[in-house]
C-alpha cells in the first residue's frame, strides 16, 4: 500500500506514490492468499474481478473487490505477458458462445 494510505496508488498526493505489489502465478501464491481470494470471489459470483489482498502477521485480508478491475501493463500481466489478454478474451468469447451470441 502507499505510505499512510489505504490504496496501492495515492492519487491525492502531490507526488505520485505507489505501494509494493507482487504478481505471481497462482501456483506460487501463498495458500492463505489463494484461500482469501477464492472465498471473496465465491461471494460475488462468476465474473472478472480484481481482489486486493494485504498480508499482515501471516494472515490475508481482503481489502476490496473491484467489479471493474484495472488490468495494468507491467502489473497484472507481469507473469503471463500478452498471454493474459488472450486468456481473458478467450473466456469472454466462450461465455458469449455459451449464450448463443
Protein backbone atom coordinates (compact mmCIF):
# COMPACT_ATOMS: atom_id res chain seq x y z
CA UNK A 1 0.00 0.00 0.00
CA UNK A 2 1.09 3.59 -0.49
CA UNK A 3 2.56 5.00 2.71
CA UNK A 4 -0.13 6.33 5.10
CA UNK A 5 -2.85 5.46 2.60
CA UNK A 6 -5.23 2.51 2.15
CA UNK A 7 -4.79 2.09 -1.59
CA UNK A 8 -1.84 0.98 -3.71
CA UNK A 9 -1.94 4.31 -5.57
CA UNK A 10 -2.29 7.57 -3.66
CA UNK A 11 -3.88 9.79 -6.31
CA UNK A 12 -4.42 12.64 -3.84
CA UNK A 13 -0.73 13.10 -3.17
CA UNK A 14 1.23 15.98 -4.72
CA UNK A 15 3.74 13.41 -5.91
CA UNK A 16 2.82 10.05 -7.37
CA UNK A 17 3.20 7.35 -4.74
CA UNK A 18 2.65 3.67 -5.25
CA UNK A 19 2.87 0.83 -2.79
CA UNK A 20 4.51 -2.51 -3.45
CA UNK A 21 2.78 -5.41 -5.10
CA UNK A 22 3.68 -8.91 -6.15
CA UNK A 23 2.46 -10.53 -9.36
CA UNK A 24 2.67 -14.29 -9.03
CA UNK A 25 1.38 -17.32 -10.85
CA UNK A 26 -1.31 -18.98 -8.76
CA UNK A 27 0.94 -21.96 -8.07
CA UNK A 28 3.45 -19.64 -6.35
CA UNK A 29 0.92 -17.61 -4.36
CA UNK A 30 0.75 -18.36 -0.63
CA UNK A 31 -2.12 -20.64 0.33
CA UNK A 32 -3.56 -18.03 2.71
CA UNK A 33 -3.78 -15.56 -0.19
CA UNK A 34 -5.46 -18.05 -2.54
CA UNK A 35 -7.91 -19.07 0.17
CA UNK A 36 -8.87 -15.41 0.81
CA UNK A 37 -9.25 -14.68 -2.90
CA UNK A 38 -11.37 -17.75 -3.57
CA UNK A 39 -13.60 -17.04 -0.57
CA UNK A 40 -14.19 -13.44 -1.72
CA UNK A 41 -14.79 -14.49 -5.34
CA UNK A 42 -17.31 -17.12 -4.26
CA UNK A 43 -19.40 -14.42 -2.58
CA UNK A 44 -19.59 -12.17 -5.66
CA UNK A 45 -20.02 -14.87 -8.31
CA UNK A 46 -18.54 -15.80 -11.65
CA UNK A 47 -17.05 -12.68 -13.21
CA UNK A 48 -13.92 -10.67 -13.83
CA UNK A 49 -12.87 -9.14 -10.52
CA UNK A 50 -9.85 -7.53 -9.01
CA UNK A 51 -9.44 -8.67 -5.44
CA UNK A 52 -6.96 -6.70 -3.37
CA UNK A 53 -5.32 -8.66 -0.58
CA UNK A 54 -2.95 -7.50 2.12
CA UNK A 55 -0.94 -9.99 4.13
CA UNK A 56 -0.07 -8.96 7.67
CA UNK A 57 1.19 -11.13 10.50
CA UNK A 58 0.74 -14.27 8.36
CA UNK A 59 -2.95 -13.53 7.76
CA UNK A 60 -4.54 -12.47 4.46
CA UNK A 61 -7.10 -9.67 4.47
CA UNK A 62 -9.44 -8.77 1.62
CA UNK A 63 -9.21 -5.00 1.23
CA UNK A 64 -11.63 -4.66 -1.65
CA UNK A 65 -13.28 -6.47 -4.53
CA UNK A 66 -13.30 -4.44 -7.74
CA UNK A 67 -16.06 -5.30 -10.20
CA UNK A 68 -14.33 -3.11 -12.79
CA UNK A 69 -10.69 -4.04 -12.20
CA UNK A 70 -7.65 -2.38 -13.63
CA UNK A 71 -5.50 -4.65 -15.73
CA UNK A 72 -2.29 -2.67 -15.94
CA UNK A 73 0.53 -3.48 -18.31
CA UNK A 74 3.55 -4.47 -16.29
CA UNK A 75 1.48 -5.30 -13.20
CA UNK A 76 -1.24 -7.91 -13.70
CA UNK A 77 0.49 -9.19 -16.85
CA UNK A 78 3.94 -9.36 -15.27
CA UNK A 79 3.91 -13.16 -15.26
CA UNK A 80 1.92 -14.14 -18.37
CA UNK A 81 2.56 -11.08 -20.53
CA UNK A 82 0.40 -10.94 -23.69
CA UNK A 83 -0.97 -14.41 -22.91
CA UNK A 84 -3.05 -12.90 -20.10
CA UNK A 85 -5.06 -10.80 -22.57
CA UNK A 86 -5.57 -13.80 -24.83
CA UNK A 87 -6.91 -15.83 -21.92
CA UNK A 88 -9.31 -13.06 -20.88
CA UNK A 89 -10.63 -12.61 -24.42
CA UNK A 90 -10.96 -16.37 -24.91
CA UNK A 91 -13.08 -16.55 -21.74
CA UNK A 92 -15.30 -13.69 -22.95
CA UNK A 93 -15.74 -15.49 -26.27
CA UNK A 94 -16.52 -18.80 -24.54
CA UNK A 95 -19.21 -17.14 -22.43
CA UNK A 96 -20.76 -15.39 -25.42
CA UNK A 97 -20.83 -18.61 -27.43
CA UNK A 98 -22.38 -20.45 -24.49
CA UNK A 99 -25.20 -17.87 -24.52
CA UNK A 100 -25.63 -18.36 -28.27
CA UNK A 101 -24.44 -14.86 -29.16
